[in-house]
Amino acid sequence: GPMIDGAGAYLLSYLYHMGKGVATDEQKALRYAQLSARKNWPAGQYYYAYLLLERQNPRDTLTALQSLQAAANQNYLDAERLLQTLR
């Protein structure tokens, strides 16, 4: 497939999660959010954590916190705020 940068992967994640222009697909939303996070895109790191936490699976919590911290380290304010509520 074509190369997708962090911003593009974040956008695809959002579209699949919200069902905007495509059928809602939580697996694709999570996969694209993870790709965005791996590409060090702060909004993607935040959204990946958000989607993990939304699943309410305790096994996802550590990964979500790490992703939020990575976004917060890049001064992504939403990640900083969410981290404060989780601590």
N, C-alpha and C. Protein backbone atom coordinates (compact mmCIF):
# COMPACT_ATOMS: atom_id res chain seq x y z
N GLY A 1 0.82 -1.18 0.00
CA GLY A 1 0.00 0.00 0.00
C GLY A 1 0.86 1.25 0.00
N PRO A 2 0.25 2.38 -0.18
CA PRO A 2 0.99 3.64 -0.19
C PRO A 2 1.54 3.97 1.19
N MET A 3 2.60 4.73 1.21
CA MET A 3 3.18 5.18 2.47
C MET A 3 2.26 6.22 3.10
N ILE A 4 2.00 6.09 4.38
CA ILE A 4 1.14 7.02 5.10
C ILE A 4 1.96 7.61 6.23
N ASP A 5 1.93 8.93 6.36
CA ASP A 5 2.64 9.57 7.46
C ASP A 5 1.75 9.55 8.72
N GLY A 6 2.29 10.06 9.82
CA GLY A 6 1.56 10.05 11.08
C GLY A 6 0.24 10.80 11.03
N ALA A 7 0.24 11.94 10.35
CA ALA A 7 -0.98 12.74 10.25
C ALA A 7 -2.05 12.01 9.44
N GLY A 8 -1.63 11.38 8.34
CA GLY A 8 -2.57 10.64 7.51
C GLY A 8 -3.16 9.45 8.23
N ALA A 9 -2.32 8.74 8.97
CA ALA A 9 -2.80 7.58 9.73
C ALA A 9 -3.78 8.03 10.82
N TYR A 10 -3.49 9.16 11.45
CA TYR A 10 -4.39 9.70 12.47
C TYR A 10 -5.75 10.02 11.85
N LEU A 11 -5.73 10.68 10.71
CA LEU A 11 -6.98 11.05 10.05
C LEU A 11 -7.78 9.80 9.66
N LEU A 12 -7.13 8.80 9.10
CA LEU A 12 -7.83 7.56 8.76
C LEU A 12 -8.42 6.89 10.00
N SER A 13 -7.68 6.92 11.09
CA SER A 13 -8.18 6.36 12.34
C SER A 13 -9.46 7.06 12.77
N TYR A 14 -9.43 8.37 12.75
CA TYR A 14 -10.60 9.15 13.15
C TYR A 14 -11.80 8.84 12.23
N LEU A 15 -11.56 8.80 10.94
CA LEU A 15 -12.64 8.55 9.99
C LEU A 15 -13.27 7.18 10.22
N TYR A 16 -12.44 6.16 10.43
CA TYR A 16 -12.98 4.82 10.68
C TYR A 16 -13.68 4.74 12.03
N HIS A 17 -13.17 5.43 13.02
CA HIS A 17 -13.80 5.41 14.34
C HIS A 17 -15.16 6.10 14.31
N MET A 18 -15.24 7.21 13.62
CA MET A 18 -16.47 7.99 13.59
C MET A 18 -17.41 7.60 12.45
N GLY A 19 -16.93 6.83 11.49
CA GLY A 19 -17.76 6.44 10.36
C GLY A 19 -18.02 7.60 9.40
N LYS A 20 -17.04 8.46 9.25
CA LYS A 20 -17.17 9.63 8.36
C LYS A 20 -16.66 9.26 6.98
N GLY A 21 -17.57 9.06 6.04
CA GLY A 21 -17.19 8.74 4.67
C GLY A 21 -16.84 7.28 4.45
N VAL A 22 -16.76 6.52 5.52
CA VAL A 22 -16.47 5.08 5.46
C VAL A 22 -17.34 4.39 6.52
N ALA A 23 -17.49 3.10 6.38
CA ALA A 23 -18.20 2.34 7.41
C ALA A 23 -17.38 2.34 8.69
N THR A 24 -18.04 2.44 9.81
CA THR A 24 -17.36 2.38 11.10
C THR A 24 -16.63 1.04 11.21
N ASP A 25 -15.36 1.10 11.60
CA ASP A 25 -14.56 -0.11 11.74
C ASP A 25 -13.56 0.13 12.85
N GLU A 26 -13.88 -0.38 14.03
CA GLU A 26 -13.03 -0.13 15.20
C GLU A 26 -11.65 -0.77 15.08
N GLN A 27 -11.56 -1.91 14.41
CA GLN A 27 -10.25 -2.54 14.24
C GLN A 27 -9.34 -1.69 13.35
N LYS A 28 -9.88 -1.18 12.25
CA LYS A 28 -9.09 -0.31 11.38
C LYS A 28 -8.75 0.99 12.10
N ALA A 29 -9.70 1.52 12.86
CA ALA A 29 -9.44 2.75 13.61
C ALA A 29 -8.27 2.55 14.56
N LEU A 30 -8.27 1.45 15.29
CA LEU A 30 -7.19 1.16 16.22
C LEU A 30 -5.87 0.92 15.49
N ARG A 31 -5.92 0.21 14.39
CA ARG A 31 -4.70 -0.09 13.63
C ARG A 31 -4.06 1.20 13.10
N TYR A 32 -4.88 2.11 12.54
CA TYR A 32 -4.33 3.36 12.02
C TYR A 32 -3.87 4.29 13.14
N ALA A 33 -4.56 4.26 14.27
CA ALA A 33 -4.11 5.07 15.41
C ALA A 33 -2.76 4.56 15.90
N GLN A 34 -2.61 3.25 15.96
CA GLN A 34 -1.33 2.67 16.38
C GLN A 34 -0.22 3.04 15.40
N LEU A 35 -0.51 3.02 14.11
CA LEU A 35 0.47 3.41 13.11
C LEU A 35 0.87 4.87 13.30
N SER A 36 -0.11 5.73 13.53
CA SER A 36 0.17 7.14 13.75
C SER A 36 1.04 7.34 14.99
N ALA A 37 0.71 6.61 16.05
CA ALA A 37 1.50 6.71 17.29
C ALA A 37 2.93 6.25 17.06
N ARG A 38 3.09 5.17 16.31
CA ARG A 38 4.44 4.66 16.02
C ARG A 38 5.25 5.63 15.18
N LYS A 39 4.55 6.47 14.42
CA LYS A 39 5.24 7.47 13.60
C LYS A 39 5.47 8.76 14.39
N ASN A 40 5.23 8.69 15.70
CA ASN A 40 5.54 9.77 16.63
C ASN A 40 4.69 11.02 16.41
N TRP A 41 3.47 10.85 15.91
CA TRP A 41 2.54 11.95 15.71
C TRP A 41 1.77 12.13 17.02
N PRO A 42 1.90 13.26 17.71
CA PRO A 42 1.30 13.40 19.04
C PRO A 42 -0.22 13.21 19.07
N ALA A 43 -0.93 13.72 18.08
CA ALA A 43 -2.38 13.51 18.05
C ALA A 43 -2.70 12.03 17.89
N GLY A 44 -1.89 11.32 17.13
CA GLY A 44 -2.06 9.88 16.97
C GLY A 44 -1.76 9.12 18.24
N GLN A 45 -0.74 9.55 18.96
CA GLN A 45 -0.42 8.92 20.24
C GLN A 45 -1.57 9.09 21.22
N TYR A 46 -2.13 10.29 21.23
CA TYR A 46 -3.27 10.56 22.10
C TYR A 46 -4.48 9.71 21.68
N TYR A 47 -4.78 9.70 20.39
CA TYR A 47 -5.96 8.99 19.91
C TYR A 47 -5.82 7.48 20.09
N TYR A 48 -4.62 6.98 19.91
CA TYR A 48 -4.38 5.55 20.14
C TYR A 48 -4.68 5.22 21.60
N ALA A 49 -4.18 6.03 22.51
CA ALA A 49 -4.45 5.81 23.93
C ALA A 49 -5.94 5.90 24.22
N TYR A 50 -6.59 6.91 23.65
CA TYR A 50 -8.03 7.08 23.84
C TYR A 50 -8.80 5.84 23.39
N LEU A 51 -8.47 5.32 22.22
CA LEU A 51 -9.16 4.13 21.72
C LEU A 51 -8.88 2.91 22.59
N LEU A 52 -7.65 2.79 23.06
CA LEU A 52 -7.34 1.67 23.96
C LEU A 52 -8.13 1.77 25.26
N LEU A 53 -8.17 2.96 25.83
CA LEU A 53 -8.90 3.15 27.08
C LEU A 53 -10.40 2.95 26.89
N GLU A 54 -10.91 3.31 25.73
CA GLU A 54 -12.32 3.14 25.43
C GLU A 54 -12.73 1.67 25.44
N ARG A 55 -11.80 0.79 25.11
CA ARG A 55 -12.10 -0.65 25.09
C ARG A 55 -12.27 -1.21 26.50
N GLN A 56 -11.79 -0.50 27.49
CA GLN A 56 -11.89 -0.89 28.91
C GLN A 56 -11.33 -2.27 29.17
N ASN A 57 -10.17 -2.54 28.56
CA ASN A 57 -9.47 -3.79 28.77
C ASN A 57 -8.24 -3.47 29.63
N PRO A 58 -8.18 -3.99 30.84
CA PRO A 58 -7.05 -3.66 31.73
C PRO A 58 -5.68 -3.93 31.11
N ARG A 59 -5.60 -4.88 30.19
CA ARG A 59 -4.31 -5.18 29.55
C ARG A 59 -3.82 -4.03 28.68
N ASP A 60 -4.73 -3.15 28.26
CA ASP A 60 -4.37 -2.02 27.39
C ASP A 60 -3.89 -0.79 28.16
N THR A 61 -4.09 -0.79 29.47
CA THR A 61 -3.85 0.42 30.25
C THR A 61 -2.40 0.89 30.18
N LEU A 62 -1.45 0.02 30.36
CA LEU A 62 -0.05 0.42 30.34
C LEU A 62 0.34 1.00 28.99
N THR A 63 -0.06 0.36 27.91
CA THR A 63 0.23 0.87 26.57
C THR A 63 -0.40 2.23 26.37
N ALA A 64 -1.64 2.39 26.83
CA ALA A 64 -2.32 3.68 26.71
C ALA A 64 -1.58 4.76 27.47
N LEU A 65 -1.16 4.46 28.68
CA LEU A 65 -0.42 5.45 29.48
C LEU A 65 0.91 5.82 28.82
N GLN A 66 1.59 4.85 28.28
CA GLN A 66 2.85 5.13 27.59
C GLN A 66 2.63 6.01 26.37
N SER A 67 1.57 5.76 25.64
CA SER A 67 1.27 6.55 24.45
C SER A 67 0.87 7.97 24.84
N LEU A 68 0.09 8.10 25.90
CA LEU A 68 -0.27 9.44 26.40
C LEU A 68 0.96 10.20 26.85
N GLN A 69 1.87 9.52 27.54
CA GLN A 69 3.09 10.18 28.01
C GLN A 69 3.94 10.64 26.84
N ALA A 70 4.01 9.84 25.79
CA ALA A 70 4.78 10.23 24.61
C ALA A 70 4.19 11.48 23.98
N ALA A 71 2.86 11.56 23.93
CA ALA A 71 2.21 12.76 23.38
C ALA A 71 2.42 13.96 24.30
N ALA A 72 2.30 13.73 25.60
CA ALA A 72 2.51 14.81 26.57
C ALA A 72 3.94 15.33 26.50
N ASN A 73 4.89 14.45 26.26
CA ASN A 73 6.28 14.87 26.13
C ASN A 73 6.50 15.79 24.93
N GLN A 74 5.55 15.76 24.00
CA GLN A 74 5.61 16.66 22.85
C GLN A 74 4.66 17.85 23.04
N ASN A 75 4.28 18.07 24.29
CA ASN A 75 3.43 19.20 24.68
C ASN A 75 2.03 19.13 24.09
N TYR A 76 1.50 17.95 23.90
CA TYR A 76 0.13 17.78 23.42
C TYR A 76 -0.79 17.91 24.64
N LEU A 77 -1.49 19.03 24.73
CA LEU A 77 -2.23 19.39 25.94
C LEU A 77 -3.33 18.41 26.30
N ASP A 78 -4.05 17.89 25.32
CA ASP A 78 -5.11 16.92 25.63
C ASP A 78 -4.53 15.68 26.32
N ALA A 79 -3.36 15.26 25.90
CA ALA A 79 -2.71 14.10 26.53
C ALA A 79 -2.31 14.44 27.95
N GLU A 80 -1.78 15.63 28.16
CA GLU A 80 -1.40 16.04 29.52
C GLU A 80 -2.62 16.05 30.44
N ARG A 81 -3.73 16.57 29.94
CA ARG A 81 -4.96 16.64 30.74
C ARG A 81 -5.49 15.25 31.07
N LEU A 82 -5.51 14.38 30.08
CA LEU A 82 -6.01 13.03 30.31
C LEU A 82 -5.11 12.28 31.29
N LEU A 83 -3.83 12.45 31.17
CA LEU A 83 -2.90 11.82 32.12
C LEU A 83 -3.18 12.26 33.54
N GLN A 84 -3.47 13.54 33.72
CA GLN A 84 -3.76 14.06 35.06
C GLN A 84 -5.01 13.42 35.65
N THR A 85 -6.00 13.16 34.82
CA THR A 85 -7.23 12.54 35.34
C THR A 85 -7.05 11.06 35.66
N LEU A 86 -6.07 10.42 35.00
CA LEU A 86 -5.85 8.99 35.21
C LEU A 86 -4.92 8.71 36.38
N ARG A 87 -4.24 9.70 36.84
CA ARG A 87 -3.28 9.50 37.95
C ARG A 87 -3.92 9.69 39.28
